[in-house]
Amino acid sequence: MAATAGLADQIAGQIEVPLVDGVAAAVRPRKAAAGSFWRPAAKPMAGLPALLVRLFGGTVGP
């Protein structure tokens, strides 16, 4: 994969579809915007002791 680093930029004008440089996309750090993290809703937990369910903030499932 590293052998193709930068190739997307070089051939982008010759290709009719969007290109993503996999190496550049994987190694460029992105700074998160303030408030961009939203904790997902709790999911039902089945087969766990009640103590663990409470610890992980879940709900008791079927």
C-alpha atoms as a PDB file:
ATOM      1  CA  MET A   1       0.000   0.000   0.000  1.00  0.00           C
ATOM      2  CA  ALA A   2       2.826   2.431   0.786  1.00  0.00           C
ATOM      3  CA  ALA A   3       4.094   2.083  -2.785  1.00  0.00           C
ATOM      4  CA  THR A   4       0.918   3.809  -3.978  1.00  0.00           C
ATOM      5  CA  ALA A   5       1.118   6.709  -1.489  1.00  0.00           C
ATOM      6  CA  GLY A   6       0.388   9.948  -3.319  1.00  0.00           C
ATOM      7  CA  LEU A   7      -0.835   8.194  -6.451  1.00  0.00           C
ATOM      8  CA  ALA A   8      -4.415   9.412  -5.958  1.00  0.00           C
ATOM      9  CA  ASP A   9      -3.293  13.040  -6.220  1.00  0.00           C
ATOM     10  CA  GLN A  10      -1.292  12.312  -9.359  1.00  0.00           C
ATOM     11  CA  ILE A  11      -4.080  10.585 -11.303  1.00  0.00           C
ATOM     12  CA  ALA A  12      -7.185  12.302  -9.874  1.00  0.00           C
ATOM     13  CA  GLY A  13      -7.658  14.348 -13.055  1.00  0.00           C
ATOM     14  CA  GLN A  14      -7.692  11.202 -15.208  1.00  0.00           C
ATOM     15  CA  ILE A  15     -10.290   9.281 -13.191  1.00  0.00           C
ATOM     16  CA  GLU A  16     -14.020  10.090 -13.141  1.00  0.00           C
ATOM     17  CA  VAL A  17     -14.657   8.802  -9.635  1.00  0.00           C
ATOM     18  CA  PRO A  18     -13.467  10.212  -6.288  1.00  0.00           C
ATOM     19  CA  LEU A  19     -10.163   8.759  -5.120  1.00  0.00           C
ATOM     20  CA  VAL A  20      -8.946   8.348  -1.552  1.00  0.00           C
ATOM     21  CA  ASP A  21      -5.266   7.904  -0.797  1.00  0.00           C
ATOM     22  CA  GLY A  22      -5.456   5.082   1.745  1.00  0.00           C
ATOM     23  CA  VAL A  23      -2.069   5.814   3.289  1.00  0.00           C
ATOM     24  CA  ALA A  24      -2.717   9.534   3.690  1.00  0.00           C
ATOM     25  CA  ALA A  25      -6.206   8.916   5.059  1.00  0.00           C
ATOM     26  CA  ALA A  26      -4.863   6.460   7.614  1.00  0.00           C
ATOM     27  CA  VAL A  27      -1.978   8.516   8.951  1.00  0.00           C
ATOM     28  CA  ARG A  28      -3.253  12.109   8.961  1.00  0.00           C
ATOM     29  CA  PRO A  29      -4.538  12.906  12.427  1.00  0.00           C
ATOM     30  CA  ARG A  30      -7.769  14.856  12.567  1.00  0.00           C
ATOM     31  CA  LYS A  31      -8.705  17.133  15.420  1.00  0.00           C
ATOM     32  CA  ALA A  32     -12.206  16.542  16.733  1.00  0.00           C
ATOM     33  CA  ALA A  33     -14.528  19.513  16.860  1.00  0.00           C
ATOM     34  CA  ALA A  34     -15.888  20.505  20.243  1.00  0.00           C
ATOM     35  CA  GLY A  35     -19.007  18.507  20.993  1.00  0.00           C
ATOM     36  CA  SER A  36     -18.452  16.036  18.155  1.00  0.00           C
ATOM     37  CA  PHE A  37     -18.602  13.004  20.453  1.00  0.00           C
ATOM     38  CA  TRP A  38     -22.030  11.739  21.323  1.00  0.00           C
ATOM     39  CA  ARG A  39     -22.258   8.697  23.576  1.00  0.00           C
ATOM     40  CA  PRO A  40     -24.518   6.080  21.991  1.00  0.00           C
ATOM     41  CA  ALA A  41     -27.678   5.062  23.794  1.00  0.00           C
ATOM     42  CA  ALA A  42     -27.412   2.172  26.239  1.00  0.00           C
ATOM     43  CA  LYS A  43     -28.086  -1.228  24.741  1.00  0.00           C
ATOM     44  CA  PRO A  44     -29.754  -4.154  26.476  1.00  0.00           C
ATOM     45  CA  MET A  45     -27.267  -6.541  28.076  1.00  0.00           C
ATOM     46  CA  ALA A  46     -28.294 -10.173  28.389  1.00  0.00           C
ATOM     47  CA  GLY A  47     -26.621 -12.811  30.516  1.00  0.00           C
ATOM     48  CA  LEU A  48     -24.541 -10.430  32.637  1.00  0.00           C
ATOM     49  CA  PRO A  49     -24.757 -10.012  36.390  1.00  0.00           C
ATOM     50  CA  ALA A  50     -26.731  -6.924  37.444  1.00  0.00           C
ATOM     51  CA  LEU A  51     -23.563  -5.380  38.916  1.00  0.00           C
ATOM     52  CA  LEU A  52     -21.868  -5.379  35.500  1.00  0.00           C
ATOM     53  CA  VAL A  53     -24.963  -4.030  33.786  1.00  0.00           C
ATOM     54  CA  ARG A  54     -25.001  -1.092  36.226  1.00  0.00           C
ATOM     55  CA  LEU A  55     -21.235  -0.611  35.885  1.00  0.00           C
ATOM     56  CA  PHE A  56     -21.489  -0.295  32.098  1.00  0.00           C
ATOM     57  CA  GLY A  57     -24.651   1.826  32.260  1.00  0.00           C
ATOM     58  CA  GLY A  58     -26.702  -0.632  30.249  1.00  0.00           C
ATOM     59  CA  THR A  59     -30.186  -1.949  30.611  1.00  0.00           C
ATOM     60  CA  VAL A  60     -31.175  -5.511  31.360  1.00  0.00           C
ATOM     61  CA  GLY A  61     -32.072  -7.326  28.168  1.00  0.00           C
ATOM     62  CA  PRO A  62     -34.061 -10.451  27.408  1.00  0.00           C
END
